[in-house]
Amino acid sequence: MPDLPRLKPDPIPAINPVPEYAAQSDLADVYERTKAGLGVPWMGVVAMAFAHYRRFYECLWNAMEPMVSGAAFANACSDLRSCAEREAAALEPPTIRPRLRTLGYDEAELYDIRACNEIFSAGNMPYLLMASLARLLLEGHEWRSDVISDAPVIARRGQQKPTLIEAHHADPTIASLYADIRATLGLPFVNTDYRAFARWPSYFVPAWTDLKKAISGPNYERRVARVHDRAVHLAASLPNNTRVTARELRAAADADATADEVLSVVRLFQWLLPGLAVNVGFLRGQLVDEKV
């Protein structure tokens, strides 16, 4: 496995995500191709932040696009999800369903929360592989996979884009929750996943309280590091169908800003996404029924 230690940039770089509504012309097309290729209903903050650097993102996506429809990528996403959920389960998430039933949640509502979680449980994996591959190349590791041809898989089923509670939608309870998430995770923004779960405040506030305890526990970082290591291994083993080189991707980054500036943004997301995958897995584990 390439030597790619888990690394949080210090200071955290400014990010300038290009939202979907602001993407025009060629970039809008790249966004649609990204969502279709990754089989996700939303542009993750990671991809929108990368897209601020247009030539860099186009180079990265053009290199990935012929590969993401293949079996190797689908298997890597499945493998990575299993790893994240295994590490999350080791943190022993307590079931939240009895508490929600006491509040009046019925089975249809619990199903909706779990369906929302499924979007991110599956969808975070391709974004984590994207960030890991981008960091590998920008740090000079060549993508040397010997596998070029790859059997296509059946097209992924589409999912509905989740409803998000943005900061300017938030009442005082959610505003306080978002501030706590930012402080706990050491990030200047709140990821899409949490803004989607906040659609159900009386669910997400207690769910986050349990998750926060796990994040501050002694085993959390070790569990997240295992997901990071697995993501790096899987990204490096994916088929390089276009034979893109580290030099080509760095040149594209230099054409937008500097390769070092872009690398700092890439490192930020490649650092945070393993934790996000474990956190969503923990929230998913909370939704299993109580043991009888």
C-alpha atoms as a PDB file:
ATOM      1  CA  MET A   1       0.000   0.000   0.000  1.00  0.00           C
ATOM      2  CA  PRO A   2       1.332   3.496  -0.775  1.00  0.00           C
ATOM      3  CA  ASP A   3       2.594   5.458   2.217  1.00  0.00           C
ATOM      4  CA  LEU A   4      -0.256   7.889   2.741  1.00  0.00           C
ATOM      5  CA  PRO A   5      -0.635   8.687   6.442  1.00  0.00           C
ATOM      6  CA  ARG A   6      -3.865  10.093   7.802  1.00  0.00           C
ATOM      7  CA  LEU A   7      -3.292  13.845   7.839  1.00  0.00           C
ATOM      8  CA  LYS A   8      -5.455  16.815   8.806  1.00  0.00           C
ATOM      9  CA  PRO A   9      -4.178  20.070   7.244  1.00  0.00           C
ATOM     10  CA  ASP A  10      -3.126  22.744   9.712  1.00  0.00           C
ATOM     11  CA  PRO A  11      -4.325  25.361   9.179  1.00  0.00           C
ATOM     12  CA  ILE A  12      -7.503  24.109   7.538  1.00  0.00           C
ATOM     13  CA  PRO A  13      -7.649  25.601   4.042  1.00  0.00           C
ATOM     14  CA  ALA A  14     -10.480  27.766   2.830  1.00  0.00           C
ATOM     15  CA  ILE A  15     -12.852  25.877   0.576  1.00  0.00           C
ATOM     16  CA  ASN A  16     -15.020  27.366  -2.144  1.00  0.00           C
ATOM     17  CA  PRO A  17     -17.563  24.740  -3.212  1.00  0.00           C
ATOM     18  CA  VAL A  18     -19.357  25.452  -6.470  1.00  0.00           C
ATOM     19  CA  PRO A  19     -23.001  24.543  -5.715  1.00  0.00           C
ATOM     20  CA  GLU A  20     -25.026  22.691  -8.285  1.00  0.00           C
ATOM     21  CA  TYR A  21     -27.268  25.679  -9.009  1.00  0.00           C
ATOM     22  CA  ALA A  22     -24.195  27.794  -9.842  1.00  0.00           C
ATOM     23  CA  ALA A  23     -22.609  25.231 -12.168  1.00  0.00           C
ATOM     24  CA  GLN A  24     -23.130  26.280 -15.755  1.00  0.00           C
ATOM     25  CA  SER A  25     -22.295  24.975 -19.208  1.00  0.00           C
ATOM     26  CA  ASP A  26     -19.424  22.471 -19.192  1.00  0.00           C
ATOM     27  CA  LEU A  27     -19.249  22.263 -15.405  1.00  0.00           C
ATOM     28  CA  ALA A  28     -22.965  21.506 -15.135  1.00  0.00           C
ATOM     29  CA  ASP A  29     -22.413  18.648 -17.571  1.00  0.00           C
ATOM     30  CA  VAL A  30     -19.492  17.352 -15.507  1.00  0.00           C
ATOM     31  CA  TYR A  31     -21.683  17.462 -12.395  1.00  0.00           C
ATOM     32  CA  GLU A  32     -24.406  15.407 -14.059  1.00  0.00           C
ATOM     33  CA  ARG A  33     -21.827  12.915 -15.291  1.00  0.00           C
ATOM     34  CA  THR A  34     -20.318  12.735 -11.804  1.00  0.00           C
ATOM     35  CA  LYS A  35     -23.642  11.927 -10.155  1.00  0.00           C
ATOM     36  CA  ALA A  36     -24.561   9.420 -12.848  1.00  0.00           C
ATOM     37  CA  GLY A  37     -21.139   7.778 -12.769  1.00  0.00           C
ATOM     38  CA  LEU A  38     -20.969   7.502  -8.990  1.00  0.00           C
ATOM     39  CA  GLY A  39     -24.630   6.540  -8.708  1.00  0.00           C
ATOM     40  CA  VAL A  40     -25.430   9.285  -6.197  1.00  0.00           C
ATOM     41  CA  PRO A  41     -28.272  11.834  -6.089  1.00  0.00           C
ATOM     42  CA  TRP A  42     -26.187  14.728  -4.789  1.00  0.00           C
ATOM     43  CA  MET A  43     -22.885  16.455  -5.423  1.00  0.00           C
ATOM     44  CA  GLY A  44     -20.887  16.008  -2.250  1.00  0.00           C
ATOM     45  CA  VAL A  45     -19.129  19.009  -0.752  1.00  0.00           C
ATOM     46  CA  VAL A  46     -15.872  17.244  -1.582  1.00  0.00           C
ATOM     47  CA  ALA A  47     -16.571  17.225  -5.329  1.00  0.00           C
ATOM     48  CA  MET A  48     -17.982  20.756  -5.342  1.00  0.00           C
ATOM     49  CA  ALA A  49     -14.875  22.004  -3.493  1.00  0.00           C
ATOM     50  CA  PHE A  50     -12.637  20.208  -5.991  1.00  0.00           C
ATOM     51  CA  ALA A  51     -14.660  21.739  -8.836  1.00  0.00           C
ATOM     52  CA  HIS A  52     -13.608  25.229  -7.721  1.00  0.00           C
ATOM     53  CA  TYR A  53     -10.402  24.196  -9.496  1.00  0.00           C
ATOM     54  CA  ARG A  54     -11.983  23.531 -12.877  1.00  0.00           C
ATOM     55  CA  ARG A  55      -9.059  22.044 -14.815  1.00  0.00           C
ATOM     56  CA  PHE A  56      -8.058  19.890 -11.865  1.00  0.00           C
ATOM     57  CA  TYR A  57     -11.544  18.488 -11.399  1.00  0.00           C
ATOM     58  CA  GLU A  58     -12.101  17.872 -15.093  1.00  0.00           C
ATOM     59  CA  CYS A  59      -8.773  16.041 -15.299  1.00  0.00           C
ATOM     60  CA  LEU A  60      -9.598  13.958 -12.228  1.00  0.00           C
ATOM     61  CA  TRP A  61     -13.125  13.124 -13.343  1.00  0.00           C
ATOM     62  CA  ASN A  62     -12.098  12.358 -16.934  1.00  0.00           C
ATOM     63  CA  ALA A  63      -9.607   9.871 -15.507  1.00  0.00           C
ATOM     64  CA  MET A  64     -12.175   8.282 -13.215  1.00  0.00           C
ATOM     65  CA  GLU A  65     -15.233   8.246 -15.444  1.00  0.00           C
ATOM     66  CA  PRO A  66     -14.340   5.230 -17.638  1.00  0.00           C
ATOM     67  CA  MET A  67     -13.559   3.242 -14.499  1.00  0.00           C
ATOM     68  CA  VAL A  68     -16.486   3.982 -12.176  1.00  0.00           C
ATOM     69  CA  SER A  69     -18.991   1.933 -14.176  1.00  0.00           C
ATOM     70  CA  GLY A  70     -16.873  -1.195 -13.788  1.00  0.00           C
ATOM     71  CA  ALA A  71     -16.998  -4.092 -11.380  1.00  0.00           C
ATOM     72  CA  ALA A  72     -13.709  -3.175  -9.694  1.00  0.00           C
ATOM     73  CA  PHE A  73     -15.066   0.192  -8.568  1.00  0.00           C
ATOM     74  CA  ALA A  74     -18.383  -1.273  -7.420  1.00  0.00           C
ATOM     75  CA  ASN A  75     -16.547  -3.957  -5.457  1.00  0.00           C
ATOM     76  CA  ALA A  76     -14.218  -1.365  -3.920  1.00  0.00           C
ATOM     77  CA  CYS A  77     -17.198   0.710  -2.761  1.00  0.00           C
ATOM     78  CA  SER A  78     -18.832  -2.375  -1.258  1.00  0.00           C
ATOM     79  CA  ASP A  79     -15.598  -3.409   0.453  1.00  0.00           C
ATOM     80  CA  LEU A  80     -15.066   0.070   1.863  1.00  0.00           C
ATOM     81  CA  ARG A  81     -18.631   0.311   3.156  1.00  0.00           C
ATOM     82  CA  SER A  82     -18.272  -3.045   4.899  1.00  0.00           C
ATOM     83  CA  CYS A  83     -15.072  -1.810   6.520  1.00  0.00           C
ATOM     84  CA  ALA A  84     -16.685   1.442   7.709  1.00  0.00           C
ATOM     85  CA  GLU A  85     -19.754  -0.296   9.113  1.00  0.00           C
ATOM     86  CA  ARG A  86     -17.638  -2.940  10.817  1.00  0.00           C
ATOM     87  CA  GLU A  87     -15.565  -0.268  12.540  1.00  0.00           C
ATOM     88  CA  ALA A  88     -18.717   1.685  13.455  1.00  0.00           C
ATOM     89  CA  ALA A  89     -20.300  -1.433  14.965  1.00  0.00           C
ATOM     90  CA  ALA A  90     -17.204  -1.891  17.139  1.00  0.00           C
ATOM     91  CA  LEU A  91     -18.077   1.450  18.759  1.00  0.00           C
ATOM     92  CA  GLU A  92     -21.300  -0.204  19.974  1.00  0.00           C
ATOM     93  CA  PRO A  93     -23.948   2.332  18.913  1.00  0.00           C
ATOM     94  CA  PRO A  94     -26.975   2.112  21.225  1.00  0.00           C
ATOM     95  CA  THR A  95     -30.340   1.608  19.584  1.00  0.00           C
ATOM     96  CA  ILE A  96     -32.387   4.782  19.346  1.00  0.00           C
ATOM     97  CA  ARG A  97     -35.628   3.253  18.117  1.00  0.00           C
ATOM     98  CA  PRO A  98     -37.339   2.927  21.548  1.00  0.00           C
ATOM     99  CA  ARG A  99     -36.650   6.590  22.268  1.00  0.00           C
ATOM    100  CA  LEU A 100     -38.084   7.598  18.913  1.00  0.00           C
ATOM    101  CA  ARG A 101     -41.178   5.462  19.409  1.00  0.00           C
ATOM    102  CA  THR A 102     -41.728   7.165  22.753  1.00  0.00           C
ATOM    103  CA  LEU A 103     -41.653  10.493  20.948  1.00  0.00           C
ATOM    104  CA  GLY A 104     -44.313   9.252  18.534  1.00  0.00           C
ATOM    105  CA  TYR A 105     -42.276   8.120  15.493  1.00  0.00           C
ATOM    106  CA  ASP A 106     -44.063   5.394  13.551  1.00  0.00           C
ATOM    107  CA  GLU A 107     -42.507   2.704  11.371  1.00  0.00           C
ATOM    108  CA  ALA A 108     -42.935   4.760   8.188  1.00  0.00           C
ATOM    109  CA  GLU A 109     -40.942   7.624   9.693  1.00  0.00           C
ATOM    110  CA  LEU A 110     -38.232   5.292  10.957  1.00  0.00           C
ATOM    111  CA  TYR A 111     -38.053   3.835   7.453  1.00  0.00           C
ATOM    112  CA  ASP A 112     -37.596   7.320   5.989  1.00  0.00           C
ATOM    113  CA  ILE A 113     -34.712   8.077   8.352  1.00  0.00           C
ATOM    114  CA  ARG A 114     -33.035   4.787   7.486  1.00  0.00           C
ATOM    115  CA  ALA A 115     -33.570   5.439   3.758  1.00  0.00           C
ATOM    116  CA  CYS A 116     -31.906   8.822   4.162  1.00  0.00           C
ATOM    117  CA  ASN A 117     -29.013   7.137   5.942  1.00  0.00           C
ATOM    118  CA  GLU A 118     -28.734   4.620   3.092  1.00  0.00           C
ATOM    119  CA  ILE A 119     -28.069   7.423   0.617  1.00  0.00           C
ATOM    120  CA  PHE A 120     -24.943   8.399   2.521  1.00  0.00           C
ATOM    121  CA  SER A 121     -23.946   4.919   3.685  1.00  0.00           C
ATOM    122  CA  ALA A 122     -23.580   3.990   0.025  1.00  0.00           C
ATOM    123  CA  GLY A 123     -22.774   7.373  -1.491  1.00  0.00           C
ATOM    124  CA  ASN A 124     -19.874   8.402   0.742  1.00  0.00           C
ATOM    125  CA  MET A 125     -17.770   5.491  -0.491  1.00  0.00           C
ATOM    126  CA  PRO A 126     -17.186   6.695  -4.075  1.00  0.00           C
ATOM    127  CA  TYR A 127     -16.393  10.179  -2.776  1.00  0.00           C
ATOM    128  CA  LEU A 128     -13.848   8.770  -0.317  1.00  0.00           C
ATOM    129  CA  LEU A 129     -12.218   6.766  -3.107  1.00  0.00           C
ATOM    130  CA  MET A 130     -12.160   9.910  -5.271  1.00  0.00           C
ATOM    131  CA  ALA A 131     -10.434  11.949  -2.559  1.00  0.00           C
ATOM    132  CA  SER A 132      -7.941   9.166  -1.824  1.00  0.00           C
ATOM    133  CA  LEU A 133      -7.054   8.772  -5.486  1.00  0.00           C
ATOM    134  CA  ALA A 134      -6.660  12.544  -5.903  1.00  0.00           C
ATOM    135  CA  ARG A 135      -4.322  12.739  -2.922  1.00  0.00           C
ATOM    136  CA  LEU A 136      -2.264   9.787  -4.130  1.00  0.00           C
ATOM    137  CA  LEU A 137      -1.668  11.435  -7.496  1.00  0.00           C
ATOM    138  CA  LEU A 138      -1.076  14.960  -6.194  1.00  0.00           C
ATOM    139  CA  GLU A 139       1.508  13.615  -3.758  1.00  0.00           C
ATOM    140  CA  GLY A 140       3.364  11.954  -6.630  1.00  0.00           C
ATOM    141  CA  HIS A 141       2.250   8.341  -6.261  1.00  0.00           C
ATOM    142  CA  GLU A 142       1.668   6.896  -9.697  1.00  0.00           C
ATOM    143  CA  TRP A 143      -1.589   5.069 -10.308  1.00  0.00           C
ATOM    144  CA  ARG A 144       0.046   1.854 -11.442  1.00  0.00           C
ATOM    145  CA  SER A 145      -2.809  -0.633 -11.507  1.00  0.00           C
ATOM    146  CA  ASP A 146      -2.144  -3.320 -14.093  1.00  0.00           C
ATOM    147  CA  VAL A 147      -5.859  -3.870 -14.628  1.00  0.00           C
ATOM    148  CA  ILE A 148      -7.149  -1.720 -17.481  1.00  0.00           C
ATOM    149  CA  SER A 149     -10.204  -3.407 -18.973  1.00  0.00           C
ATOM    150  CA  ASP A 150     -13.020  -3.935 -16.497  1.00  0.00           C
ATOM    151  CA  ALA A 151     -16.426  -5.550 -16.882  1.00  0.00           C
ATOM    152  CA  PRO A 152     -19.305  -3.071 -16.567  1.00  0.00           C
ATOM    153  CA  VAL A 153     -21.908  -3.557 -13.876  1.00  0.00           C
ATOM    154  CA  ILE A 154     -25.642  -3.010 -14.019  1.00  0.00           C
ATOM    155  CA  ALA A 155     -26.485   0.675 -13.796  1.00  0.00           C
ATOM    156  CA  ARG A 156     -27.121   1.823 -10.237  1.00  0.00           C
ATOM    157  CA  ARG A 157     -30.664   2.675  -9.234  1.00  0.00           C
ATOM    158  CA  GLY A 158     -31.323   6.357  -8.835  1.00  0.00           C
ATOM    159  CA  GLN A 159     -32.180   7.821  -5.443  1.00  0.00           C
ATOM    160  CA  GLN A 160     -34.037  10.969  -4.558  1.00  0.00           C
ATOM    161  CA  LYS A 161     -31.901  13.918  -3.537  1.00  0.00           C
ATOM    162  CA  PRO A 162     -32.229  14.361   0.232  1.00  0.00           C
ATOM    163  CA  THR A 163     -33.873  17.418   1.756  1.00  0.00           C
ATOM    164  CA  LEU A 164     -31.282  19.549   3.558  1.00  0.00           C
ATOM    165  CA  ILE A 165     -31.694  21.887   6.508  1.00  0.00           C
ATOM    166  CA  GLU A 166     -29.227  24.635   5.666  1.00  0.00           C
ATOM    167  CA  ALA A 167     -27.768  26.960   8.283  1.00  0.00           C
ATOM    168  CA  HIS A 168     -30.159  29.733   7.250  1.00  0.00           C
ATOM    169  CA  HIS A 169     -33.106  27.358   7.744  1.00  0.00           C
ATOM    170  CA  ALA A 170     -32.061  26.359  11.242  1.00  0.00           C
ATOM    171  CA  ASP A 171     -33.976  27.272  14.363  1.00  0.00           C
ATOM    172  CA  PRO A 172     -31.959  27.867  17.558  1.00  0.00           C
ATOM    173  CA  THR A 173     -31.894  24.157  18.406  1.00  0.00           C
ATOM    174  CA  ILE A 174     -30.438  23.114  15.045  1.00  0.00           C
ATOM    175  CA  ALA A 175     -28.136  26.153  14.916  1.00  0.00           C
ATOM    176  CA  SER A 176     -26.696  25.084  18.273  1.00  0.00           C
ATOM    177  CA  LEU A 177     -26.404  21.500  17.043  1.00  0.00           C
ATOM    178  CA  TYR A 178     -24.530  22.600  13.924  1.00  0.00           C
ATOM    179  CA  ALA A 179     -22.149  24.680  16.040  1.00  0.00           C
ATOM    180  CA  ASP A 180     -21.483  21.635  18.221  1.00  0.00           C
ATOM    181  CA  ILE A 181     -20.848  19.429  15.168  1.00  0.00           C
ATOM    182  CA  ARG A 182     -18.351  21.932  13.776  1.00  0.00           C
ATOM    183  CA  ALA A 183     -16.577  22.258  17.128  1.00  0.00           C
ATOM    184  CA  THR A 184     -16.500  18.506  17.800  1.00  0.00           C
ATOM    185  CA  LEU A 185     -15.185  17.605  14.344  1.00  0.00           C
ATOM    186  CA  GLY A 186     -12.882  20.616  14.067  1.00  0.00           C
ATOM    187  CA  LEU A 187     -14.382  21.731  10.760  1.00  0.00           C
ATOM    188  CA  PRO A 188     -15.652  25.106   9.540  1.00  0.00           C
ATOM    189  CA  PHE A 189     -18.682  23.578   7.779  1.00  0.00           C
ATOM    190  CA  VAL A 190     -21.373  20.946   8.336  1.00  0.00           C
ATOM    191  CA  ASN A 191     -21.373  18.050   5.898  1.00  0.00           C
ATOM    192  CA  THR A 192     -24.388  17.279   3.732  1.00  0.00           C
ATOM    193  CA  ASP A 193     -25.144  14.117   5.699  1.00  0.00           C
ATOM    194  CA  TYR A 194     -25.793  15.973   8.939  1.00  0.00           C
ATOM    195  CA  ARG A 195     -27.850  18.654   7.192  1.00  0.00           C
ATOM    196  CA  ALA A 196     -30.034  15.877   5.782  1.00  0.00           C
ATOM    197  CA  PHE A 197     -30.509  14.136   9.149  1.00  0.00           C
ATOM    198  CA  ALA A 198     -31.461  17.476  10.715  1.00  0.00           C
ATOM    199  CA  ARG A 199     -34.722  17.237   8.784  1.00  0.00           C
ATOM    200  CA  TRP A 200     -35.841  15.269  11.876  1.00  0.00           C
ATOM    201  CA  PRO A 201     -34.554  17.401  14.787  1.00  0.00           C
ATOM    202  CA  SER A 202     -36.089  15.290  17.543  1.00  0.00           C
ATOM    203  CA  TYR A 203     -34.253  12.285  16.047  1.00  0.00           C
ATOM    204  CA  PHE A 204     -30.939  13.874  15.191  1.00  0.00           C
ATOM    205  CA  VAL A 205     -30.295  15.752  18.439  1.00  0.00           C
ATOM    206  CA  PRO A 206     -30.236  12.583  20.597  1.00  0.00           C
ATOM    207  CA  ALA A 207     -28.558  10.603  17.799  1.00  0.00           C
ATOM    208  CA  TRP A 208     -25.742  13.158  17.653  1.00  0.00           C
ATOM    209  CA  THR A 209     -25.429  13.132  21.457  1.00  0.00           C
ATOM    210  CA  ASP A 210     -24.665   9.397  21.371  1.00  0.00           C
ATOM    211  CA  LEU A 211     -22.336   9.775  18.396  1.00  0.00           C
ATOM    212  CA  LYS A 212     -20.432  12.627  20.067  1.00  0.00           C
ATOM    213  CA  LYS A 213     -19.690  10.365  23.043  1.00  0.00           C
ATOM    214  CA  ALA A 214     -18.250   7.756  20.674  1.00  0.00           C
ATOM    215  CA  ILE A 215     -16.137  10.356  18.849  1.00  0.00           C
ATOM    216  CA  SER A 216     -14.553  11.422  22.131  1.00  0.00           C
ATOM    217  CA  GLY A 217     -13.895   7.816  23.157  1.00  0.00           C
ATOM    218  CA  PRO A 218     -10.479   6.130  23.223  1.00  0.00           C
ATOM    219  CA  ASN A 219     -11.027   3.817  20.238  1.00  0.00           C
ATOM    220  CA  TYR A 220     -12.588   6.196  17.737  1.00  0.00           C
ATOM    221  CA  GLU A 221      -9.465   7.422  15.942  1.00  0.00           C
ATOM    222  CA  ARG A 222      -8.114   3.899  15.635  1.00  0.00           C
ATOM    223  CA  ARG A 223     -11.351   2.765  13.987  1.00  0.00           C
ATOM    224  CA  VAL A 224     -11.343   5.700  11.574  1.00  0.00           C
ATOM    225  CA  ALA A 225      -7.678   5.096  10.700  1.00  0.00           C
ATOM    226  CA  ARG A 226      -8.568   1.590   9.567  1.00  0.00           C
ATOM    227  CA  VAL A 227     -11.137   3.002   7.144  1.00  0.00           C
ATOM    228  CA  HIS A 228      -8.550   5.511   5.884  1.00  0.00           C
ATOM    229  CA  ASP A 229      -6.014   2.741   5.279  1.00  0.00           C
ATOM    230  CA  ARG A 230      -8.563   0.591   3.470  1.00  0.00           C
ATOM    231  CA  ALA A 231      -9.612   3.499   1.253  1.00  0.00           C
ATOM    232  CA  VAL A 232      -6.003   4.180   0.238  1.00  0.00           C
ATOM    233  CA  HIS A 233      -5.389   0.520  -0.559  1.00  0.00           C
ATOM    234  CA  LEU A 234      -8.569   0.208  -2.607  1.00  0.00           C
ATOM    235  CA  ALA A 235      -8.042   3.483  -4.489  1.00  0.00           C
ATOM    236  CA  ALA A 236      -4.519   2.502  -5.481  1.00  0.00           C
ATOM    237  CA  SER A 237      -5.748  -0.843  -6.809  1.00  0.00           C
ATOM    238  CA  LEU A 238      -8.454   0.567  -9.110  1.00  0.00           C
ATOM    239  CA  PRO A 239      -7.974   0.226 -12.896  1.00  0.00           C
ATOM    240  CA  ASN A 240      -6.293   3.249 -14.477  1.00  0.00           C
ATOM    241  CA  ASN A 241      -8.158   3.038 -17.776  1.00  0.00           C
ATOM    242  CA  THR A 242      -6.923   6.409 -19.073  1.00  0.00           C
ATOM    243  CA  ARG A 243      -3.373   5.958 -17.751  1.00  0.00           C
ATOM    244  CA  VAL A 244      -3.438   9.385 -16.151  1.00  0.00           C
ATOM    245  CA  THR A 245      -0.198  10.285 -14.395  1.00  0.00           C
ATOM    246  CA  ALA A 246       0.595  12.182 -11.231  1.00  0.00           C
ATOM    247  CA  ARG A 247       2.361  14.795 -13.331  1.00  0.00           C
ATOM    248  CA  GLU A 248      -0.747  15.388 -15.460  1.00  0.00           C
ATOM    249  CA  LEU A 249      -3.019  15.909 -12.473  1.00  0.00           C
ATOM    250  CA  ARG A 250      -0.530  18.220 -10.757  1.00  0.00           C
ATOM    251  CA  ALA A 251      -0.205  20.230 -13.974  1.00  0.00           C
ATOM    252  CA  ALA A 252      -3.983  20.612 -14.114  1.00  0.00           C
ATOM    253  CA  ALA A 253      -3.989  21.802 -10.492  1.00  0.00           C
ATOM    254  CA  ASP A 254      -1.195  24.277 -11.245  1.00  0.00           C
ATOM    255  CA  ALA A 255      -3.257  25.672 -14.117  1.00  0.00           C
ATOM    256  CA  ASP A 256      -6.009  26.632 -11.639  1.00  0.00           C
ATOM    257  CA  ALA A 257      -3.998  27.799  -8.626  1.00  0.00           C
ATOM    258  CA  THR A 258      -1.015  25.874  -7.325  1.00  0.00           C
ATOM    259  CA  ALA A 259      -0.773  22.137  -6.863  1.00  0.00           C
ATOM    260  CA  ASP A 260       0.020  22.709  -3.185  1.00  0.00           C
ATOM    261  CA  GLU A 261      -3.136  24.758  -2.651  1.00  0.00           C
ATOM    262  CA  VAL A 262      -5.285  22.113  -4.314  1.00  0.00           C
ATOM    263  CA  LEU A 263      -3.485  19.376  -2.400  1.00  0.00           C
ATOM    264  CA  SER A 264      -4.328  21.066   0.903  1.00  0.00           C
ATOM    265  CA  VAL A 265      -8.047  20.992   0.018  1.00  0.00           C
ATOM    266  CA  VAL A 266      -7.774  17.380  -1.130  1.00  0.00           C
ATOM    267  CA  ARG A 267      -6.029  16.410   2.100  1.00  0.00           C
ATOM    268  CA  LEU A 268      -8.816  18.015   4.128  1.00  0.00           C
ATOM    269  CA  PHE A 269     -11.500  15.864   2.531  1.00  0.00           C
ATOM    270  CA  GLN A 270      -9.375  12.742   2.413  1.00  0.00           C
ATOM    271  CA  TRP A 271      -8.893  13.228   6.165  1.00  0.00           C
ATOM    272  CA  LEU A 272     -12.533  13.907   7.075  1.00  0.00           C
ATOM    273  CA  LEU A 273     -14.331  11.378   4.868  1.00  0.00           C
ATOM    274  CA  PRO A 274     -13.180   8.216   6.714  1.00  0.00           C
ATOM    275  CA  GLY A 275     -14.572   9.715   9.914  1.00  0.00           C
ATOM    276  CA  LEU A 276     -17.778  10.701   8.166  1.00  0.00           C
ATOM    277  CA  ALA A 277     -18.174   7.132   6.854  1.00  0.00           C
ATOM    278  CA  VAL A 278     -17.761   5.719  10.369  1.00  0.00           C
ATOM    279  CA  ASN A 279     -20.135   8.315  11.816  1.00  0.00           C
ATOM    280  CA  VAL A 280     -22.868   7.511   9.302  1.00  0.00           C
ATOM    281  CA  GLY A 281     -22.309   3.828  10.033  1.00  0.00           C
ATOM    282  CA  PHE A 282     -22.743   4.555  13.746  1.00  0.00           C
ATOM    283  CA  LEU A 283     -25.982   6.450  13.072  1.00  0.00           C
ATOM    284  CA  ARG A 284     -27.150   3.508  10.973  1.00  0.00           C
ATOM    285  CA  GLY A 285     -26.344   1.109  13.790  1.00  0.00           C
ATOM    286  CA  GLN A 286     -28.505   3.171  16.140  1.00  0.00           C
ATOM    287  CA  LEU A 287     -31.499   2.503  13.915  1.00  0.00           C
ATOM    288  CA  VAL A 288     -31.488  -1.289  14.257  1.00  0.00           C
ATOM    289  CA  ASP A 289     -34.276  -2.627  16.399  1.00  0.00           C
ATOM    290  CA  GLU A 290     -33.630  -3.315  20.063  1.00  0.00           C
ATOM    291  CA  LYS A 291     -32.519  -6.828  20.915  1.00  0.00           C
ATOM    292  CA  VAL A 292     -35.110  -9.080  22.455  1.00  0.00           C
END
